[in-house]
Amino acid sequence: MKNKLHRVGRCTASSSRWLYRHVNDPFVKKAKAEQYRSRAAYKLLEIDEKFNLIRKGFVVLELGSAPGGWSQVIADILNGTGRLIAVDLADMDPISGVEVVKLDIELQRKELYEYISGVELDVIVSDLAPSASGSRVTDSISSIRLAELVLHYAKNSLKKFGTVVTKILRGSEDEYRFVNSLRKQFKKIEYFKPDASRKASREIYLILLGKLS
């Protein structure tokens, strides 16, 4: 999920280059052919193939789910078992087997906690990203703030030995402080950048394995 303000105006050279890359992106073409809602689906497919995080019968919370590419992948893996709760403030078309919850995960924490009250989560996944500010450091710090929010839910609702997947943007010293703070909370921490991530992107996924308490 990413929220941006779009201005109406003439197409800039940079936006033209982005559009060209997007249209010719092999993962965009593949997603269209395989009926995934976004190219991001292939990031989660790679993550799950490597770490085997999601299994039939699991209860999964997805934060920042729109437009639903990751939700499609998780629903396919669960195959009618377990439970997937997909949360986003943006509208998201229904997906079979997915509970779509529309709310702001930062401003409506009470409502989300009420919704998942009594639910033991096996996995929390998040592809949340901040709106671009133009500053490498600012964007990195903002992404870490979002990841901290994801970990807030993990602390309270993820079962022991559970797993978290969350994204950060590299580029600030806060990254090391944040990751070091997680070492007492999880048995193992892995960095992973899927092939489906664009080479120029500073995004990287933190795979947090084995919640300790």
C-alpha atoms as a PDB file:
ATOM      1  CA  MET A   1       0.000   0.000   0.000  1.00  0.00           C
ATOM      2  CA  LYS A   2       1.313   3.438  -0.882  1.00  0.00           C
ATOM      3  CA  ASN A   3      -0.567   6.723  -0.781  1.00  0.00           C
ATOM      4  CA  LYS A   4       0.540   9.511  -3.082  1.00  0.00           C
ATOM      5  CA  LEU A   5      -0.855  12.818  -4.246  1.00  0.00           C
ATOM      6  CA  HIS A   6      -1.136  12.841  -8.008  1.00  0.00           C
ATOM      7  CA  ARG A   7      -0.955  16.187  -9.755  1.00  0.00           C
ATOM      8  CA  VAL A   8      -2.564  16.777 -13.089  1.00  0.00           C
ATOM      9  CA  GLY A   9      -0.157  18.282 -15.560  1.00  0.00           C
ATOM     10  CA  ARG A  10       2.018  17.591 -18.504  1.00  0.00           C
ATOM     11  CA  CYS A  11       4.010  14.398 -18.521  1.00  0.00           C
ATOM     12  CA  THR A  12       7.565  14.951 -17.287  1.00  0.00           C
ATOM     13  CA  ALA A  13      10.614  13.176 -18.631  1.00  0.00           C
ATOM     14  CA  SER A  14      10.949  11.165 -15.406  1.00  0.00           C
ATOM     15  CA  SER A  15       7.308  10.075 -15.469  1.00  0.00           C
ATOM     16  CA  SER A  16       7.691   9.078 -19.112  1.00  0.00           C
ATOM     17  CA  ARG A  17      10.682   6.917 -18.212  1.00  0.00           C
ATOM     18  CA  TRP A  18       8.737   5.350 -15.336  1.00  0.00           C
ATOM     19  CA  LEU A  19       5.800   4.600 -17.627  1.00  0.00           C
ATOM     20  CA  TYR A  20       8.123   3.027 -20.199  1.00  0.00           C
ATOM     21  CA  ARG A  21       9.766   0.830 -17.551  1.00  0.00           C
ATOM     22  CA  HIS A  22       6.400  -0.128 -16.111  1.00  0.00           C
ATOM     23  CA  VAL A  23       4.844  -1.092 -19.433  1.00  0.00           C
ATOM     24  CA  ASN A  24       7.915  -3.133 -20.386  1.00  0.00           C
ATOM     25  CA  ASP A  25       8.457  -4.681 -16.958  1.00  0.00           C
ATOM     26  CA  PRO A  26       8.400  -8.501 -17.330  1.00  0.00           C
ATOM     27  CA  PHE A  27       6.765  -8.911 -13.918  1.00  0.00           C
ATOM     28  CA  VAL A  28       4.003  -6.475 -14.876  1.00  0.00           C
ATOM     29  CA  LYS A  29       3.382  -8.489 -18.036  1.00  0.00           C
ATOM     30  CA  LYS A  30       3.512 -11.755 -16.102  1.00  0.00           C
ATOM     31  CA  ALA A  31       1.092 -10.485 -13.462  1.00  0.00           C
ATOM     32  CA  LYS A  32      -1.367  -9.482 -16.155  1.00  0.00           C
ATOM     33  CA  ALA A  33      -1.067 -12.850 -17.891  1.00  0.00           C
ATOM     34  CA  GLU A  34      -1.455 -14.805 -14.631  1.00  0.00           C
ATOM     35  CA  GLN A  35      -4.222 -12.516 -13.324  1.00  0.00           C
ATOM     36  CA  TYR A  36      -2.428 -11.185 -10.287  1.00  0.00           C
ATOM     37  CA  ARG A  37      -3.527  -7.727  -9.237  1.00  0.00           C
ATOM     38  CA  SER A  38       0.033  -6.442  -8.921  1.00  0.00           C
ATOM     39  CA  ARG A  39       3.619  -7.389  -9.765  1.00  0.00           C
ATOM     40  CA  ALA A  40       4.249  -7.429  -6.011  1.00  0.00           C
ATOM     41  CA  ALA A  41       2.664 -10.886  -5.916  1.00  0.00           C
ATOM     42  CA  TYR A  42       5.941 -12.312  -7.238  1.00  0.00           C
ATOM     43  CA  LYS A  43       7.870 -10.795  -4.341  1.00  0.00           C
ATOM     44  CA  LEU A  44       5.811 -12.757  -1.840  1.00  0.00           C
ATOM     45  CA  LEU A  45       5.971 -15.885  -3.977  1.00  0.00           C
ATOM     46  CA  GLU A  46       9.779 -15.666  -3.876  1.00  0.00           C
ATOM     47  CA  ILE A  47       9.818 -14.967  -0.149  1.00  0.00           C
ATOM     48  CA  ASP A  48       7.559 -17.908   0.627  1.00  0.00           C
ATOM     49  CA  GLU A  49       9.445 -20.238  -1.696  1.00  0.00           C
ATOM     50  CA  LYS A  50      12.695 -19.464   0.123  1.00  0.00           C
ATOM     51  CA  PHE A  51      11.435 -19.395   3.712  1.00  0.00           C
ATOM     52  CA  ASN A  52       8.273 -21.550   3.602  1.00  0.00           C
ATOM     53  CA  LEU A  53       6.423 -19.106   5.835  1.00  0.00           C
ATOM     54  CA  ILE A  54       2.770 -19.723   5.045  1.00  0.00           C
ATOM     55  CA  ARG A  55       1.139 -23.125   5.305  1.00  0.00           C
ATOM     56  CA  LYS A  56      -2.361 -24.514   5.060  1.00  0.00           C
ATOM     57  CA  GLY A  57      -4.358 -23.854   8.191  1.00  0.00           C
ATOM     58  CA  PHE A  58      -2.343 -20.787   9.202  1.00  0.00           C
ATOM     59  CA  VAL A  59      -3.952 -17.571  10.421  1.00  0.00           C
ATOM     60  CA  VAL A  60      -2.389 -14.626   8.585  1.00  0.00           C
ATOM     61  CA  LEU A  61      -2.714 -10.867   9.076  1.00  0.00           C
ATOM     62  CA  GLU A  62      -1.766  -8.748   6.068  1.00  0.00           C
ATOM     63  CA  LEU A  63      -1.229  -5.031   6.660  1.00  0.00           C
ATOM     64  CA  GLY A  64      -1.408  -2.735   3.642  1.00  0.00           C
ATOM     65  CA  SER A  65      -3.135  -5.255   1.403  1.00  0.00           C
ATOM     66  CA  ALA A  66      -4.536  -3.190  -1.489  1.00  0.00           C
ATOM     67  CA  PRO A  67      -4.755  -3.863  -4.386  1.00  0.00           C
ATOM     68  CA  GLY A  68      -4.549  -7.514  -3.353  1.00  0.00           C
ATOM     69  CA  GLY A  69      -1.583  -9.161  -5.071  1.00  0.00           C
ATOM     70  CA  TRP A  70      -0.200 -10.570  -1.836  1.00  0.00           C
ATOM     71  CA  SER A  71      -3.696 -11.526  -0.693  1.00  0.00           C
ATOM     72  CA  GLN A  72      -4.132 -13.627  -3.831  1.00  0.00           C
ATOM     73  CA  VAL A  73      -0.875 -15.476  -3.152  1.00  0.00           C
ATOM     74  CA  ILE A  74      -1.744 -16.163   0.487  1.00  0.00           C
ATOM     75  CA  ALA A  75      -5.295 -17.250  -0.350  1.00  0.00           C
ATOM     76  CA  ASP A  76      -3.925 -19.689  -2.937  1.00  0.00           C
ATOM     77  CA  ILE A  77      -1.556 -21.194  -0.366  1.00  0.00           C
ATOM     78  CA  LEU A  78      -4.234 -21.493   2.331  1.00  0.00           C
ATOM     79  CA  ASN A  79      -6.601 -23.018  -0.238  1.00  0.00           C
ATOM     80  CA  GLY A  80      -9.734 -22.643   1.858  1.00  0.00           C
ATOM     81  CA  THR A  81      -8.063 -23.474   5.183  1.00  0.00           C
ATOM     82  CA  GLY A  82      -6.956 -21.169   7.977  1.00  0.00           C
ATOM     83  CA  ARG A  83      -7.794 -17.485   7.822  1.00  0.00           C
ATOM     84  CA  LEU A  84      -6.504 -14.380   6.048  1.00  0.00           C
ATOM     85  CA  ILE A  85      -7.340 -10.926   7.394  1.00  0.00           C
ATOM     86  CA  ALA A  86      -6.323  -8.260   4.861  1.00  0.00           C
ATOM     87  CA  VAL A  87      -6.273  -4.679   6.129  1.00  0.00           C
ATOM     88  CA  ASP A  88      -5.980  -1.440   4.189  1.00  0.00           C
ATOM     89  CA  LEU A  89      -7.487   2.031   4.213  1.00  0.00           C
ATOM     90  CA  ALA A  90      -7.751   1.932   0.419  1.00  0.00           C
ATOM     91  CA  ASP A  91     -10.618   0.130  -1.277  1.00  0.00           C
ATOM     92  CA  MET A  92      -9.883  -3.445  -2.283  1.00  0.00           C
ATOM     93  CA  ASP A  93     -12.079  -5.692  -4.394  1.00  0.00           C
ATOM     94  CA  PRO A  94     -13.152  -8.930  -2.689  1.00  0.00           C
ATOM     95  CA  ILE A  95     -11.088 -12.111  -2.998  1.00  0.00           C
ATOM     96  CA  SER A  96     -12.545 -15.504  -2.193  1.00  0.00           C
ATOM     97  CA  GLY A  97     -11.434 -16.672   1.243  1.00  0.00           C
ATOM     98  CA  VAL A  98     -10.107 -13.264   2.298  1.00  0.00           C
ATOM     99  CA  GLU A  99     -11.551 -11.065   5.050  1.00  0.00           C
ATOM    100  CA  VAL A 100     -11.060  -7.518   3.769  1.00  0.00           C
ATOM    101  CA  VAL A 101     -11.019  -4.933   6.559  1.00  0.00           C
ATOM    102  CA  LYS A 102     -11.006  -1.257   5.613  1.00  0.00           C
ATOM    103  CA  LEU A 103      -9.360   0.906   8.252  1.00  0.00           C
ATOM    104  CA  ASP A 104      -6.258   2.949   9.032  1.00  0.00           C
ATOM    105  CA  ILE A 105      -3.803   0.673  10.840  1.00  0.00           C
ATOM    106  CA  GLU A 106      -2.157   3.645  12.554  1.00  0.00           C
ATOM    107  CA  LEU A 107      -5.143   5.791  13.511  1.00  0.00           C
ATOM    108  CA  GLN A 108      -7.594   2.945  14.146  1.00  0.00           C
ATOM    109  CA  ARG A 109      -5.492   0.572  16.221  1.00  0.00           C
ATOM    110  CA  LYS A 110      -8.283   0.045  18.748  1.00  0.00           C
ATOM    111  CA  GLU A 111     -10.691  -1.042  16.016  1.00  0.00           C
ATOM    112  CA  LEU A 112      -8.196  -3.485  14.520  1.00  0.00           C
ATOM    113  CA  TYR A 113      -7.316  -4.959  17.897  1.00  0.00           C
ATOM    114  CA  GLU A 114     -11.023  -5.443  18.551  1.00  0.00           C
ATOM    115  CA  TYR A 115     -11.371  -7.201  15.196  1.00  0.00           C
ATOM    116  CA  ILE A 116      -8.513  -9.607  15.867  1.00  0.00           C
ATOM    117  CA  SER A 117      -9.261 -10.011  19.569  1.00  0.00           C
ATOM    118  CA  GLY A 118      -8.763 -13.625  20.576  1.00  0.00           C
ATOM    119  CA  VAL A 119      -7.153 -14.496  17.233  1.00  0.00           C
ATOM    120  CA  GLU A 120      -3.791 -16.268  17.411  1.00  0.00           C
ATOM    121  CA  LEU A 121      -1.779 -15.138  14.402  1.00  0.00           C
ATOM    122  CA  ASP A 122       0.790 -17.450  12.840  1.00  0.00           C
ATOM    123  CA  VAL A 123       2.152 -14.875  10.398  1.00  0.00           C
ATOM    124  CA  ILE A 124       1.990 -11.109   9.867  1.00  0.00           C
ATOM    125  CA  VAL A 125       3.012  -9.763   6.460  1.00  0.00           C
ATOM    126  CA  SER A 126       3.328  -6.167   5.324  1.00  0.00           C
ATOM    127  CA  ASP A 127       4.284  -4.514   2.058  1.00  0.00           C
ATOM    128  CA  LEU A 128       3.600  -1.035   3.433  1.00  0.00           C
ATOM    129  CA  ALA A 129       5.661   1.800   1.984  1.00  0.00           C
ATOM    130  CA  PRO A 130       5.645   5.536   2.699  1.00  0.00           C
ATOM    131  CA  SER A 131       4.798   8.160   0.134  1.00  0.00           C
ATOM    132  CA  ALA A 132       8.003   9.334  -1.521  1.00  0.00           C
ATOM    133  CA  SER A 133       9.370  12.599  -0.133  1.00  0.00           C
ATOM    134  CA  GLY A 134      12.355  12.934  -2.451  1.00  0.00           C
ATOM    135  CA  SER A 135      14.761  12.440   0.446  1.00  0.00           C
ATOM    136  CA  ARG A 136      16.517   9.086   0.735  1.00  0.00           C
ATOM    137  CA  VAL A 137      16.974   9.433   4.492  1.00  0.00           C
ATOM    138  CA  THR A 138      13.456  10.692   5.171  1.00  0.00           C
ATOM    139  CA  ASP A 139      11.889   7.878   3.162  1.00  0.00           C
ATOM    140  CA  SER A 140      14.008   5.304   4.975  1.00  0.00           C
ATOM    141  CA  ILE A 141      13.018   6.657   8.381  1.00  0.00           C
ATOM    142  CA  SER A 142       9.346   6.751   7.354  1.00  0.00           C
ATOM    143  CA  SER A 143       9.497   3.129   6.205  1.00  0.00           C
ATOM    144  CA  ILE A 144      10.993   2.103   9.540  1.00  0.00           C
ATOM    145  CA  ARG A 145       8.176   3.886  11.374  1.00  0.00           C
ATOM    146  CA  LEU A 146       5.723   1.760   9.395  1.00  0.00           C
ATOM    147  CA  ALA A 147       7.693  -1.381  10.216  1.00  0.00           C
ATOM    148  CA  GLU A 148       7.621  -0.425  13.897  1.00  0.00           C
ATOM    149  CA  LEU A 149       3.851  -0.226  13.635  1.00  0.00           C
ATOM    150  CA  VAL A 150       3.765  -3.730  12.151  1.00  0.00           C
ATOM    151  CA  LEU A 151       5.878  -4.959  15.065  1.00  0.00           C
ATOM    152  CA  HIS A 152       3.474  -3.311  17.493  1.00  0.00           C
ATOM    153  CA  TYR A 153       0.762  -5.665  16.247  1.00  0.00           C
ATOM    154  CA  ALA A 154       3.184  -8.583  16.311  1.00  0.00           C
ATOM    155  CA  LYS A 155       4.080  -7.924  19.937  1.00  0.00           C
ATOM    156  CA  ASN A 156       0.448  -8.095  20.984  1.00  0.00           C
ATOM    157  CA  SER A 157      -1.175 -10.589  18.604  1.00  0.00           C
ATOM    158  CA  LEU A 158       1.453 -12.878  17.035  1.00  0.00           C
ATOM    159  CA  LYS A 159       1.767 -16.270  18.694  1.00  0.00           C
ATOM    160  CA  LYS A 160       5.059 -17.537  20.082  1.00  0.00           C
ATOM    161  CA  PHE A 161       7.380 -18.824  17.323  1.00  0.00           C
ATOM    162  CA  GLY A 162       5.349 -16.826  14.783  1.00  0.00           C
ATOM    163  CA  THR A 163       6.784 -15.004  11.762  1.00  0.00           C
ATOM    164  CA  VAL A 164       6.753 -11.424  10.477  1.00  0.00           C
ATOM    165  CA  VAL A 165       7.566 -10.163   6.975  1.00  0.00           C
ATOM    166  CA  THR A 166       7.913  -6.401   6.711  1.00  0.00           C
ATOM    167  CA  LYS A 167       9.526  -3.982   4.280  1.00  0.00           C
ATOM    168  CA  ILE A 168      11.951  -1.149   4.901  1.00  0.00           C
ATOM    169  CA  LEU A 169      13.797   1.251   2.616  1.00  0.00           C
ATOM    170  CA  ARG A 170      17.538   1.362   3.170  1.00  0.00           C
ATOM    171  CA  GLY A 171      19.297   4.682   3.599  1.00  0.00           C
ATOM    172  CA  SER A 172      19.322   5.749   7.240  1.00  0.00           C
ATOM    173  CA  GLU A 173      21.115   4.821  10.444  1.00  0.00           C
ATOM    174  CA  ASP A 174      17.719   4.138  12.029  1.00  0.00           C
ATOM    175  CA  GLU A 175      17.710   0.824  10.148  1.00  0.00           C
ATOM    176  CA  TYR A 176      20.461  -0.608  12.341  1.00  0.00           C
ATOM    177  CA  ARG A 177      18.862   0.630  15.554  1.00  0.00           C
ATOM    178  CA  PHE A 178      15.550  -0.897  14.507  1.00  0.00           C
ATOM    179  CA  VAL A 179      16.986  -4.261  13.472  1.00  0.00           C
ATOM    180  CA  ASN A 180      19.089  -4.500  16.625  1.00  0.00           C
ATOM    181  CA  SER A 181      15.956  -3.907  18.701  1.00  0.00           C
ATOM    182  CA  LEU A 182      14.402  -6.989  17.093  1.00  0.00           C
ATOM    183  CA  ARG A 183      17.181  -9.396  18.008  1.00  0.00           C
ATOM    184  CA  LYS A 184      15.736  -9.959  21.471  1.00  0.00           C
ATOM    185  CA  GLN A 185      12.271 -10.513  20.028  1.00  0.00           C
ATOM    186  CA  PHE A 186      12.946 -13.090  17.296  1.00  0.00           C
ATOM    187  CA  LYS A 187      15.140 -16.158  17.031  1.00  0.00           C
ATOM    188  CA  LYS A 188      16.429 -15.280  13.569  1.00  0.00           C
ATOM    189  CA  ILE A 189      16.402 -12.230  11.290  1.00  0.00           C
ATOM    190  CA  GLU A 190      16.992 -12.461   7.551  1.00  0.00           C
ATOM    191  CA  TYR A 191      17.336  -9.733   4.923  1.00  0.00           C
ATOM    192  CA  PHE A 192      15.871 -10.619   1.539  1.00  0.00           C
ATOM    193  CA  LYS A 193      15.467  -8.748  -1.732  1.00  0.00           C
ATOM    194  CA  PRO A 194      13.367 -10.701  -4.248  1.00  0.00           C
ATOM    195  CA  ASP A 195      14.268 -10.746  -7.927  1.00  0.00           C
ATOM    196  CA  ALA A 196      10.887  -9.096  -8.500  1.00  0.00           C
ATOM    197  CA  SER A 197      12.108  -5.990  -6.667  1.00  0.00           C
ATOM    198  CA  ARG A 198      13.384  -3.437  -9.132  1.00  0.00           C
ATOM    199  CA  LYS A 199      17.175  -3.168  -9.122  1.00  0.00           C
ATOM    200  CA  ALA A 200      17.066   0.566  -8.446  1.00  0.00           C
ATOM    201  CA  SER A 201      14.709   0.132  -5.503  1.00  0.00           C
ATOM    202  CA  ARG A 202      16.096   0.514  -1.989  1.00  0.00           C
ATOM    203  CA  GLU A 203      13.417  -1.760  -0.564  1.00  0.00           C
ATOM    204  CA  ILE A 204      14.401  -4.849   1.366  1.00  0.00           C
ATOM    205  CA  TYR A 205      12.302  -7.292   3.320  1.00  0.00           C
ATOM    206  CA  LEU A 206      12.981  -8.285   6.893  1.00  0.00           C
ATOM    207  CA  ILE A 207      12.049 -11.901   7.560  1.00  0.00           C
ATOM    208  CA  LEU A 208      11.615 -12.229  11.317  1.00  0.00           C
ATOM    209  CA  LEU A 209      11.524 -15.879  12.298  1.00  0.00           C
ATOM    210  CA  GLY A 210      10.517 -17.445  15.595  1.00  0.00           C
ATOM    211  CA  LYS A 211       8.960 -14.894  17.932  1.00  0.00           C
ATOM    212  CA  LEU A 212      10.542 -15.543  21.308  1.00  0.00           C
ATOM    213  CA  SER A 213       7.663 -14.682  23.613  1.00  0.00           C
END
